[in-house]
Amino acid sequence: MAAGSPAGGRPRIVAIANQKGGVGKTTTAINLATALAQDGHPTLVVDLDPQGNASTGLGVLPDRREVGTYEVISGERALHEAIQPTEIENLQLAPGTRDLSGADIEMVDDPARAERLAKAIRDPRSQAAIGDFEYILIDCPPSLSLLTVNAMAAAHSVLVPLQCEFFALEGLSQLLGTIKHVQQRINRSLRIEGIVLTMYDRRNNLSFQVEQDVRATLGEHVFDTVIPRNVRLSEAPSHAMPALIYDPNCSGSRAYRALAGELVRRAAARLAA
């Protein structure tokens, strides 16, 4: 079985990646996961970012991260030992810690360094714990590091949050090159789940122009849903909760619910095809 090939089609593993920081990657991870969970799809968030912002944003503060993804990547602990519940029904978390910042250096001499997370997910000891999830969302660090490659090696697909700014497409080409490299060398079944436009300001002509350029270049890879620039999305992490809990009716929360619905419909259409 390829590292990212489905086992019975469940769970669906999606890496959320962009090497550029500040594009709404973690905001997308926690709010999309919350929307899926609230819609009845049991979801696990795997926090691979050394900053641990997805963990904080889901209410799991550092003193509750005794076992995290660093221990899983290093092989010290099994994945199921890192998983813990959140305050949100149907949503669980494997938290990230600052220890992940040294993981790239520690893995560099391991010939199988790119497949450590995939191995942990396949580990029979953890199958009972992850088998009930429909989705596993991996929040990657804002870099094309070994941690990001591990996420892609373990995933079925990559979802790319793309900020509506002038140089958006330039950075994207490097990320797409990394995805292609992983497809060719490690995980042949890896695909692009889609590009989601974030921080969209309808009052700004630049957002519209970027949207037009991205859709003309990438076509059906771009989600119909766009995530607006919304102050409630920015405020929610300081309260250690997703925006969908902090303010369920704000425009950002509505957009992430729409994105979750579109993600599920796209998956169903692929299966039907």
C-alpha atoms as a PDB file:
ATOM      1  CA  MET A   1       0.000   0.000   0.000  1.00  0.00           C
ATOM      2  CA  ALA A   2       1.309   3.446  -0.887  1.00  0.00           C
ATOM      3  CA  ALA A   3       1.917   5.721   2.047  1.00  0.00           C
ATOM      4  CA  GLY A   4      -1.144   7.797   1.346  1.00  0.00           C
ATOM      5  CA  SER A   5      -3.494   5.241  -0.209  1.00  0.00           C
ATOM      6  CA  PRO A   6      -6.900   4.827   1.413  1.00  0.00           C
ATOM      7  CA  ALA A   7      -7.596   1.846   3.611  1.00  0.00           C
ATOM      8  CA  GLY A   8     -11.243   1.153   2.940  1.00  0.00           C
ATOM      9  CA  GLY A   9     -11.609   4.814   2.005  1.00  0.00           C
ATOM     10  CA  ARG A  10     -11.579   5.914   5.652  1.00  0.00           C
ATOM     11  CA  PRO A  11     -10.281   8.110   7.117  1.00  0.00           C
ATOM     12  CA  ARG A  12      -9.570  10.671   4.414  1.00  0.00           C
ATOM     13  CA  ILE A  13      -6.221  12.319   5.189  1.00  0.00           C
ATOM     14  CA  VAL A  14      -5.771  15.913   4.024  1.00  0.00           C
ATOM     15  CA  ALA A  15      -2.554  17.898   4.517  1.00  0.00           C
ATOM     16  CA  ILE A  16      -3.172  21.639   4.810  1.00  0.00           C
ATOM     17  CA  ALA A  17      -0.012  23.265   3.531  1.00  0.00           C
ATOM     18  CA  ASN A  18       1.531  26.497   2.326  1.00  0.00           C
ATOM     19  CA  GLN A  19       5.173  27.372   2.885  1.00  0.00           C
ATOM     20  CA  LYS A  20       4.246  31.035   3.308  1.00  0.00           C
ATOM     21  CA  GLY A  21       3.145  32.127   6.770  1.00  0.00           C
ATOM     22  CA  GLY A  22       0.153  34.342   7.449  1.00  0.00           C
ATOM     23  CA  VAL A  23      -2.083  32.909   4.726  1.00  0.00           C
ATOM     24  CA  GLY A  24      -4.752  31.440   7.006  1.00  0.00           C
ATOM     25  CA  LYS A  25      -3.381  27.895   7.060  1.00  0.00           C
ATOM     26  CA  THR A  26      -3.997  27.145  10.740  1.00  0.00           C
ATOM     27  CA  THR A  27      -7.239  29.142  10.721  1.00  0.00           C
ATOM     28  CA  THR A  28      -8.368  26.907   7.876  1.00  0.00           C
ATOM     29  CA  ALA A  29      -7.270  23.728   9.670  1.00  0.00           C
ATOM     30  CA  ILE A  30      -9.151  24.373  12.892  1.00  0.00           C
ATOM     31  CA  ASN A  31     -12.285  25.914  11.399  1.00  0.00           C
ATOM     32  CA  LEU A  32     -12.631  23.407   8.580  1.00  0.00           C
ATOM     33  CA  ALA A  33     -12.155  20.591  11.110  1.00  0.00           C
ATOM     34  CA  THR A  34     -14.784  22.141  13.381  1.00  0.00           C
ATOM     35  CA  ALA A  35     -17.238  22.525  10.494  1.00  0.00           C
ATOM     36  CA  LEU A  36     -16.743  18.885   9.468  1.00  0.00           C
ATOM     37  CA  ALA A  37     -17.189  17.712  13.064  1.00  0.00           C
ATOM     38  CA  GLN A  38     -20.320  19.788  13.562  1.00  0.00           C
ATOM     39  CA  ASP A  39     -21.722  18.326  10.349  1.00  0.00           C
ATOM     40  CA  GLY A  40     -21.376  14.823  11.782  1.00  0.00           C
ATOM     41  CA  HIS A  41     -17.990  13.808  10.351  1.00  0.00           C
ATOM     42  CA  PRO A  42     -15.631  12.606  13.125  1.00  0.00           C
ATOM     43  CA  THR A  43     -12.381  14.475  12.539  1.00  0.00           C
ATOM     44  CA  LEU A  44      -8.825  14.405  13.883  1.00  0.00           C
ATOM     45  CA  VAL A  45      -6.455  17.375  13.638  1.00  0.00           C
ATOM     46  CA  VAL A  46      -2.753  16.449  13.598  1.00  0.00           C
ATOM     47  CA  ASP A  47      -0.715  19.518  14.560  1.00  0.00           C
ATOM     48  CA  LEU A  48       2.716  19.304  12.878  1.00  0.00           C
ATOM     49  CA  ASP A  49       3.560  22.988  13.320  1.00  0.00           C
ATOM     50  CA  PRO A  50       6.203  23.671  16.029  1.00  0.00           C
ATOM     51  CA  GLN A  51       4.273  26.808  16.943  1.00  0.00           C
ATOM     52  CA  GLY A  52       1.380  24.608  18.060  1.00  0.00           C
ATOM     53  CA  ASN A  53      -1.185  27.219  17.052  1.00  0.00           C
ATOM     54  CA  ALA A  54      -3.776  24.685  15.923  1.00  0.00           C
ATOM     55  CA  SER A  55      -3.569  23.055  19.352  1.00  0.00           C
ATOM     56  CA  THR A  56      -4.038  26.392  21.102  1.00  0.00           C
ATOM     57  CA  GLY A  57      -6.837  27.342  18.732  1.00  0.00           C
ATOM     58  CA  LEU A  58      -8.685  24.162  19.686  1.00  0.00           C
ATOM     59  CA  GLY A  59      -8.348  24.908  23.386  1.00  0.00           C
ATOM     60  CA  VAL A  60      -5.490  22.513  24.192  1.00  0.00           C
ATOM     61  CA  LEU A  61      -2.925  24.684  25.970  1.00  0.00           C
ATOM     62  CA  PRO A  62       0.754  23.674  26.391  1.00  0.00           C
ATOM     63  CA  ASP A  63       0.284  22.146  29.854  1.00  0.00           C
ATOM     64  CA  ARG A  64      -2.047  19.546  28.295  1.00  0.00           C
ATOM     65  CA  ARG A  65       0.429  18.390  25.628  1.00  0.00           C
ATOM     66  CA  GLU A  66       2.367  15.723  27.511  1.00  0.00           C
ATOM     67  CA  VAL A  67       2.384  13.495  24.429  1.00  0.00           C
ATOM     68  CA  GLY A  68       2.332  15.179  21.038  1.00  0.00           C
ATOM     69  CA  THR A  69       3.256  14.764  17.420  1.00  0.00           C
ATOM     70  CA  TYR A  70       6.962  15.182  18.163  1.00  0.00           C
ATOM     71  CA  GLU A  71       6.931  11.953  20.172  1.00  0.00           C
ATOM     72  CA  VAL A  72       4.988  10.284  17.348  1.00  0.00           C
ATOM     73  CA  ILE A  73       7.388  11.465  14.622  1.00  0.00           C
ATOM     74  CA  SER A  74      10.409  10.473  16.702  1.00  0.00           C
ATOM     75  CA  GLY A  75       8.971   6.995  17.249  1.00  0.00           C
ATOM     76  CA  GLU A  76       8.864   7.350  21.029  1.00  0.00           C
ATOM     77  CA  ARG A  77       5.087   6.978  21.235  1.00  0.00           C
ATOM     78  CA  ALA A  78       2.280   5.616  19.065  1.00  0.00           C
ATOM     79  CA  LEU A  79      -0.182   8.015  17.420  1.00  0.00           C
ATOM     80  CA  HIS A  80      -3.135   6.904  19.513  1.00  0.00           C
ATOM     81  CA  GLU A  81      -1.241   7.902  22.660  1.00  0.00           C
ATOM     82  CA  ALA A  82      -1.095  11.519  21.463  1.00  0.00           C
ATOM     83  CA  ILE A  83      -4.773  11.838  20.550  1.00  0.00           C
ATOM     84  CA  GLN A  84      -6.979  13.695  22.999  1.00  0.00           C
ATOM     85  CA  PRO A  85     -10.502  15.107  22.883  1.00  0.00           C
ATOM     86  CA  THR A  86     -11.358  18.763  22.415  1.00  0.00           C
ATOM     87  CA  GLU A  87     -14.384  20.621  23.737  1.00  0.00           C
ATOM     88  CA  ILE A  88     -15.999  20.113  20.322  1.00  0.00           C
ATOM     89  CA  GLU A  89     -18.015  16.978  19.747  1.00  0.00           C
ATOM     90  CA  ASN A  90     -16.600  14.698  17.019  1.00  0.00           C
ATOM     91  CA  LEU A  91     -13.281  16.583  16.999  1.00  0.00           C
ATOM     92  CA  GLN A  92     -10.022  15.275  18.475  1.00  0.00           C
ATOM     93  CA  LEU A  93      -6.424  16.478  18.354  1.00  0.00           C
ATOM     94  CA  ALA A  94      -2.861  15.196  18.263  1.00  0.00           C
ATOM     95  CA  PRO A  95      -1.144  18.337  19.592  1.00  0.00           C
ATOM     96  CA  GLY A  96       2.065  19.990  18.428  1.00  0.00           C
ATOM     97  CA  THR A  97       4.859  21.364  20.605  1.00  0.00           C
ATOM     98  CA  ARG A  98       8.045  23.383  20.188  1.00  0.00           C
ATOM     99  CA  ASP A  99      10.036  20.133  20.219  1.00  0.00           C
ATOM    100  CA  LEU A 100       9.006  19.733  16.574  1.00  0.00           C
ATOM    101  CA  SER A 101      11.388  22.574  15.658  1.00  0.00           C
ATOM    102  CA  GLY A 102      14.319  20.174  15.979  1.00  0.00           C
ATOM    103  CA  ALA A 103      12.669  17.224  14.245  1.00  0.00           C
ATOM    104  CA  ASP A 104      14.097  17.999  10.782  1.00  0.00           C
ATOM    105  CA  ILE A 105      17.673  17.825  12.054  1.00  0.00           C
ATOM    106  CA  GLU A 106      17.013  14.666  14.055  1.00  0.00           C
ATOM    107  CA  MET A 107      15.491  12.892  11.032  1.00  0.00           C
ATOM    108  CA  VAL A 108      18.074  13.880   8.451  1.00  0.00           C
ATOM    109  CA  ASP A 109      20.160  10.676   8.637  1.00  0.00           C
ATOM    110  CA  ASP A 110      17.155   8.329   8.528  1.00  0.00           C
ATOM    111  CA  PRO A 111      16.639   6.839   5.020  1.00  0.00           C
ATOM    112  CA  ALA A 112      12.902   6.587   5.783  1.00  0.00           C
ATOM    113  CA  ARG A 113      12.714  10.079   7.257  1.00  0.00           C
ATOM    114  CA  ALA A 114       9.936  11.221   4.912  1.00  0.00           C
ATOM    115  CA  GLU A 115       7.575   8.401   5.906  1.00  0.00           C
ATOM    116  CA  ARG A 116       7.601   8.514   9.678  1.00  0.00           C
ATOM    117  CA  LEU A 117       4.103   9.970   9.995  1.00  0.00           C
ATOM    118  CA  ALA A 118       2.703   7.564   7.401  1.00  0.00           C
ATOM    119  CA  LYS A 119       4.232   4.689   9.368  1.00  0.00           C
ATOM    120  CA  ALA A 120       2.672   5.991  12.586  1.00  0.00           C
ATOM    121  CA  ILE A 121      -0.754   6.196  10.927  1.00  0.00           C
ATOM    122  CA  ARG A 122      -0.415   2.641   9.584  1.00  0.00           C
ATOM    123  CA  ASP A 123       0.781   1.308  12.960  1.00  0.00           C
ATOM    124  CA  PRO A 124      -1.650  -1.483  13.979  1.00  0.00           C
ATOM    125  CA  ARG A 125      -1.552  -0.225  17.568  1.00  0.00           C
ATOM    126  CA  SER A 126      -3.284   2.983  16.489  1.00  0.00           C
ATOM    127  CA  GLN A 127      -5.745   1.614  13.952  1.00  0.00           C
ATOM    128  CA  ALA A 128      -8.577   1.168  16.431  1.00  0.00           C
ATOM    129  CA  ALA A 129      -8.175   4.787  17.579  1.00  0.00           C
ATOM    130  CA  ILE A 130      -8.135   6.370  14.130  1.00  0.00           C
ATOM    131  CA  GLY A 131     -10.481   3.986  12.333  1.00  0.00           C
ATOM    132  CA  ASP A 132     -13.604   5.864  13.426  1.00  0.00           C
ATOM    133  CA  PHE A 133     -12.457   9.170  11.970  1.00  0.00           C
ATOM    134  CA  GLU A 134     -13.785  10.199   8.590  1.00  0.00           C
ATOM    135  CA  TYR A 135     -11.207  12.968   8.169  1.00  0.00           C
ATOM    136  CA  ILE A 136      -7.682  13.563   9.412  1.00  0.00           C
ATOM    137  CA  LEU A 137      -6.498  17.129   8.775  1.00  0.00           C
ATOM    138  CA  ILE A 138      -2.755  17.738   9.142  1.00  0.00           C
ATOM    139  CA  ASP A 139      -1.725  21.311   9.903  1.00  0.00           C
ATOM    140  CA  CYS A 140       1.734  21.707   8.366  1.00  0.00           C
ATOM    141  CA  PRO A 141       4.433  24.196   9.376  1.00  0.00           C
ATOM    142  CA  PRO A 142       4.844  27.333   7.207  1.00  0.00           C
ATOM    143  CA  SER A 143       7.832  25.859   5.353  1.00  0.00           C
ATOM    144  CA  LEU A 144       8.675  23.116   2.873  1.00  0.00           C
ATOM    145  CA  SER A 145      10.421  21.130   5.599  1.00  0.00           C
ATOM    146  CA  LEU A 146      10.692  17.418   6.320  1.00  0.00           C
ATOM    147  CA  LEU A 147       7.624  17.784   8.512  1.00  0.00           C
ATOM    148  CA  THR A 148       5.625  19.065   5.541  1.00  0.00           C
ATOM    149  CA  VAL A 149       6.956  16.261   3.353  1.00  0.00           C
ATOM    150  CA  ASN A 150       5.946  13.765   6.080  1.00  0.00           C
ATOM    151  CA  ALA A 151       2.424  15.180   5.997  1.00  0.00           C
ATOM    152  CA  MET A 152       2.245  14.826   2.212  1.00  0.00           C
ATOM    153  CA  ALA A 153       3.664  11.310   2.347  1.00  0.00           C
ATOM    154  CA  ALA A 154       0.905  10.302   4.756  1.00  0.00           C
ATOM    155  CA  ALA A 155      -1.961  12.152   3.062  1.00  0.00           C
ATOM    156  CA  HIS A 156      -4.378  11.367   0.290  1.00  0.00           C
ATOM    157  CA  SER A 157      -4.474  15.009  -0.761  1.00  0.00           C
ATOM    158  CA  VAL A 158      -3.198  18.519  -0.117  1.00  0.00           C
ATOM    159  CA  LEU A 159      -5.422  21.527   0.520  1.00  0.00           C
ATOM    160  CA  VAL A 160      -3.680  24.852  -0.085  1.00  0.00           C
ATOM    161  CA  PRO A 161      -4.912  28.080   1.541  1.00  0.00           C
ATOM    162  CA  LEU A 162      -3.895  30.955  -0.741  1.00  0.00           C
ATOM    163  CA  GLN A 163      -4.016  34.552   0.434  1.00  0.00           C
ATOM    164  CA  CYS A 164      -5.487  37.056  -2.002  1.00  0.00           C
ATOM    165  CA  GLU A 165      -2.370  39.121  -2.545  1.00  0.00           C
ATOM    166  CA  PHE A 166      -0.286  40.228  -5.510  1.00  0.00           C
ATOM    167  CA  PHE A 167       2.434  37.545  -5.314  1.00  0.00           C
ATOM    168  CA  ALA A 168       0.100  34.665  -4.453  1.00  0.00           C
ATOM    169  CA  LEU A 169       0.822  32.575  -7.542  1.00  0.00           C
ATOM    170  CA  GLU A 170       4.612  32.958  -7.316  1.00  0.00           C
ATOM    171  CA  GLY A 171       4.889  31.117  -4.001  1.00  0.00           C
ATOM    172  CA  LEU A 172       2.360  28.539  -5.103  1.00  0.00           C
ATOM    173  CA  SER A 173       4.583  27.213  -7.890  1.00  0.00           C
ATOM    174  CA  GLN A 174       7.226  26.109  -5.381  1.00  0.00           C
ATOM    175  CA  LEU A 175       4.638  24.269  -3.291  1.00  0.00           C
ATOM    176  CA  LEU A 176       3.207  22.533  -6.353  1.00  0.00           C
ATOM    177  CA  GLY A 177       6.737  21.443  -7.233  1.00  0.00           C
ATOM    178  CA  THR A 178       7.113  19.829  -3.813  1.00  0.00           C
ATOM    179  CA  ILE A 179       3.778  18.054  -4.202  1.00  0.00           C
ATOM    180  CA  LYS A 180       4.890  16.696  -7.574  1.00  0.00           C
ATOM    181  CA  HIS A 181       8.187  15.519  -6.068  1.00  0.00           C
ATOM    182  CA  VAL A 182       6.348  13.651  -3.304  1.00  0.00           C
ATOM    183  CA  GLN A 183       3.993  12.116  -5.892  1.00  0.00           C
ATOM    184  CA  GLN A 184       6.904  10.821  -7.943  1.00  0.00           C
ATOM    185  CA  ARG A 185       9.156   9.622  -5.148  1.00  0.00           C
ATOM    186  CA  ILE A 186       7.044   8.684  -2.129  1.00  0.00           C
ATOM    187  CA  ASN A 187       3.257   8.799  -2.457  1.00  0.00           C
ATOM    188  CA  ARG A 188       1.903   8.166  -5.943  1.00  0.00           C
ATOM    189  CA  SER A 189      -1.717   8.543  -4.859  1.00  0.00           C
ATOM    190  CA  LEU A 190      -1.240  12.086  -3.524  1.00  0.00           C
ATOM    191  CA  ARG A 191      -3.449  14.632  -5.254  1.00  0.00           C
ATOM    192  CA  ILE A 192      -4.327  18.293  -4.916  1.00  0.00           C
ATOM    193  CA  GLU A 193      -7.541  18.523  -2.902  1.00  0.00           C
ATOM    194  CA  GLY A 194      -7.956  22.132  -3.898  1.00  0.00           C
ATOM    195  CA  ILE A 195      -6.862  25.724  -3.527  1.00  0.00           C
ATOM    196  CA  VAL A 196      -8.931  27.843  -1.157  1.00  0.00           C
ATOM    197  CA  LEU A 197      -8.688  31.629  -1.444  1.00  0.00           C
ATOM    198  CA  THR A 198      -8.361  33.289   1.969  1.00  0.00           C
ATOM    199  CA  MET A 199      -8.485  36.838   3.349  1.00  0.00           C
ATOM    200  CA  TYR A 200     -10.732  37.861   0.474  1.00  0.00           C
ATOM    201  CA  ASP A 201     -11.850  41.494   0.644  1.00  0.00           C
ATOM    202  CA  ARG A 202     -14.787  42.185  -1.658  1.00  0.00           C
ATOM    203  CA  ARG A 203     -14.186  45.933  -1.318  1.00  0.00           C
ATOM    204  CA  ASN A 204     -10.722  45.538  -2.823  1.00  0.00           C
ATOM    205  CA  ASN A 205     -10.178  45.162  -6.563  1.00  0.00           C
ATOM    206  CA  LEU A 206      -6.916  43.299  -5.863  1.00  0.00           C
ATOM    207  CA  SER A 207      -8.781  40.370  -4.289  1.00  0.00           C
ATOM    208  CA  PHE A 208     -10.979  40.106  -7.369  1.00  0.00           C
ATOM    209  CA  GLN A 209      -7.976  40.258  -9.711  1.00  0.00           C
ATOM    210  CA  VAL A 210      -6.095  37.584  -7.755  1.00  0.00           C
ATOM    211  CA  GLU A 211      -9.182  35.368  -7.805  1.00  0.00           C
ATOM    212  CA  GLN A 212      -9.504  35.769 -11.559  1.00  0.00           C
ATOM    213  CA  ASP A 213      -5.811  34.946 -12.104  1.00  0.00           C
ATOM    214  CA  VAL A 214      -5.874  31.900  -9.832  1.00  0.00           C
ATOM    215  CA  ARG A 215      -9.052  30.495 -11.370  1.00  0.00           C
ATOM    216  CA  ALA A 216      -7.724  31.084 -14.903  1.00  0.00           C
ATOM    217  CA  THR A 217      -4.465  29.321 -14.020  1.00  0.00           C
ATOM    218  CA  LEU A 218      -5.695  26.439 -11.858  1.00  0.00           C
ATOM    219  CA  GLY A 219      -9.292  26.010 -12.972  1.00  0.00           C
ATOM    220  CA  GLU A 220     -11.227  23.275 -11.191  1.00  0.00           C
ATOM    221  CA  HIS A 221      -8.536  22.936  -8.527  1.00  0.00           C
ATOM    222  CA  VAL A 222      -9.852  26.155  -6.950  1.00  0.00           C
ATOM    223  CA  PHE A 223     -12.724  25.809  -4.484  1.00  0.00           C
ATOM    224  CA  ASP A 224     -15.841  27.838  -5.251  1.00  0.00           C
ATOM    225  CA  THR A 225     -15.922  28.932  -1.611  1.00  0.00           C
ATOM    226  CA  VAL A 226     -13.719  31.884  -0.679  1.00  0.00           C
ATOM    227  CA  ILE A 227     -12.805  32.821   2.891  1.00  0.00           C
ATOM    228  CA  PRO A 228     -13.359  36.517   3.602  1.00  0.00           C
ATOM    229  CA  ARG A 229     -11.126  38.808   5.580  1.00  0.00           C
ATOM    230  CA  ASN A 230     -13.020  38.789   8.884  1.00  0.00           C
ATOM    231  CA  VAL A 231     -12.067  40.218  12.260  1.00  0.00           C
ATOM    232  CA  ARG A 232     -13.870  37.436  14.145  1.00  0.00           C
ATOM    233  CA  LEU A 233     -11.620  34.846  12.489  1.00  0.00           C
ATOM    234  CA  SER A 234      -8.640  36.797  13.815  1.00  0.00           C
ATOM    235  CA  GLU A 235     -10.071  37.240  17.311  1.00  0.00           C
ATOM    236  CA  ALA A 236     -11.106  33.642  17.950  1.00  0.00           C
ATOM    237  CA  PRO A 237      -7.615  32.138  18.552  1.00  0.00           C
ATOM    238  CA  SER A 238      -6.972  34.580  21.405  1.00  0.00           C
ATOM    239  CA  HIS A 239      -9.957  32.951  23.119  1.00  0.00           C
ATOM    240  CA  ALA A 240      -8.544  29.453  22.415  1.00  0.00           C
ATOM    241  CA  MET A 241     -11.447  28.447  20.228  1.00  0.00           C
ATOM    242  CA  PRO A 242     -12.358  28.211  16.545  1.00  0.00           C
ATOM    243  CA  ALA A 243     -14.395  31.028  15.039  1.00  0.00           C
ATOM    244  CA  LEU A 244     -17.277  28.606  14.543  1.00  0.00           C
ATOM    245  CA  ILE A 245     -17.565  28.379  18.317  1.00  0.00           C
ATOM    246  CA  TYR A 246     -16.575  31.976  19.101  1.00  0.00           C
ATOM    247  CA  ASP A 247     -19.047  33.498  16.639  1.00  0.00           C
ATOM    248  CA  PRO A 248     -21.003  30.883  14.660  1.00  0.00           C
ATOM    249  CA  ASN A 249     -22.805  33.476  12.563  1.00  0.00           C
ATOM    250  CA  CYS A 250     -19.898  35.637  11.414  1.00  0.00           C
ATOM    251  CA  SER A 251     -19.025  35.666   7.734  1.00  0.00           C
ATOM    252  CA  GLY A 252     -15.850  33.651   8.335  1.00  0.00           C
ATOM    253  CA  SER A 253     -17.720  30.878  10.134  1.00  0.00           C
ATOM    254  CA  ARG A 254     -20.336  30.712   7.394  1.00  0.00           C
ATOM    255  CA  ALA A 255     -17.587  30.467   4.781  1.00  0.00           C
ATOM    256  CA  TYR A 256     -15.853  27.568   6.540  1.00  0.00           C
ATOM    257  CA  ARG A 257     -19.144  25.692   6.829  1.00  0.00           C
ATOM    258  CA  ALA A 258     -19.594  26.183   3.094  1.00  0.00           C
ATOM    259  CA  LEU A 259     -16.025  24.982   2.474  1.00  0.00           C
ATOM    260  CA  ALA A 260     -16.632  21.830   4.528  1.00  0.00           C
ATOM    261  CA  GLY A 261     -19.754  21.104   2.525  1.00  0.00           C
ATOM    262  CA  GLU A 262     -17.893  21.610  -0.738  1.00  0.00           C
ATOM    263  CA  LEU A 263     -15.046  19.349   0.420  1.00  0.00           C
ATOM    264  CA  VAL A 264     -17.483  16.546   1.268  1.00  0.00           C
ATOM    265  CA  ARG A 265     -19.387  16.952  -2.018  1.00  0.00           C
ATOM    266  CA  ARG A 266     -16.175  16.850  -4.045  1.00  0.00           C
ATOM    267  CA  ALA A 267     -15.091  13.660  -2.290  1.00  0.00           C
ATOM    268  CA  ALA A 268     -18.487  12.063  -2.946  1.00  0.00           C
ATOM    269  CA  ALA A 269     -18.340  13.066  -6.620  1.00  0.00           C
ATOM    270  CA  ARG A 270     -14.898  11.483  -7.010  1.00  0.00           C
ATOM    271  CA  LEU A 271     -16.109   8.251  -5.439  1.00  0.00           C
ATOM    272  CA  ALA A 272     -19.166   8.213  -7.691  1.00  0.00           C
ATOM    273  CA  ALA A 273     -16.984   8.768 -10.739  1.00  0.00           C
END
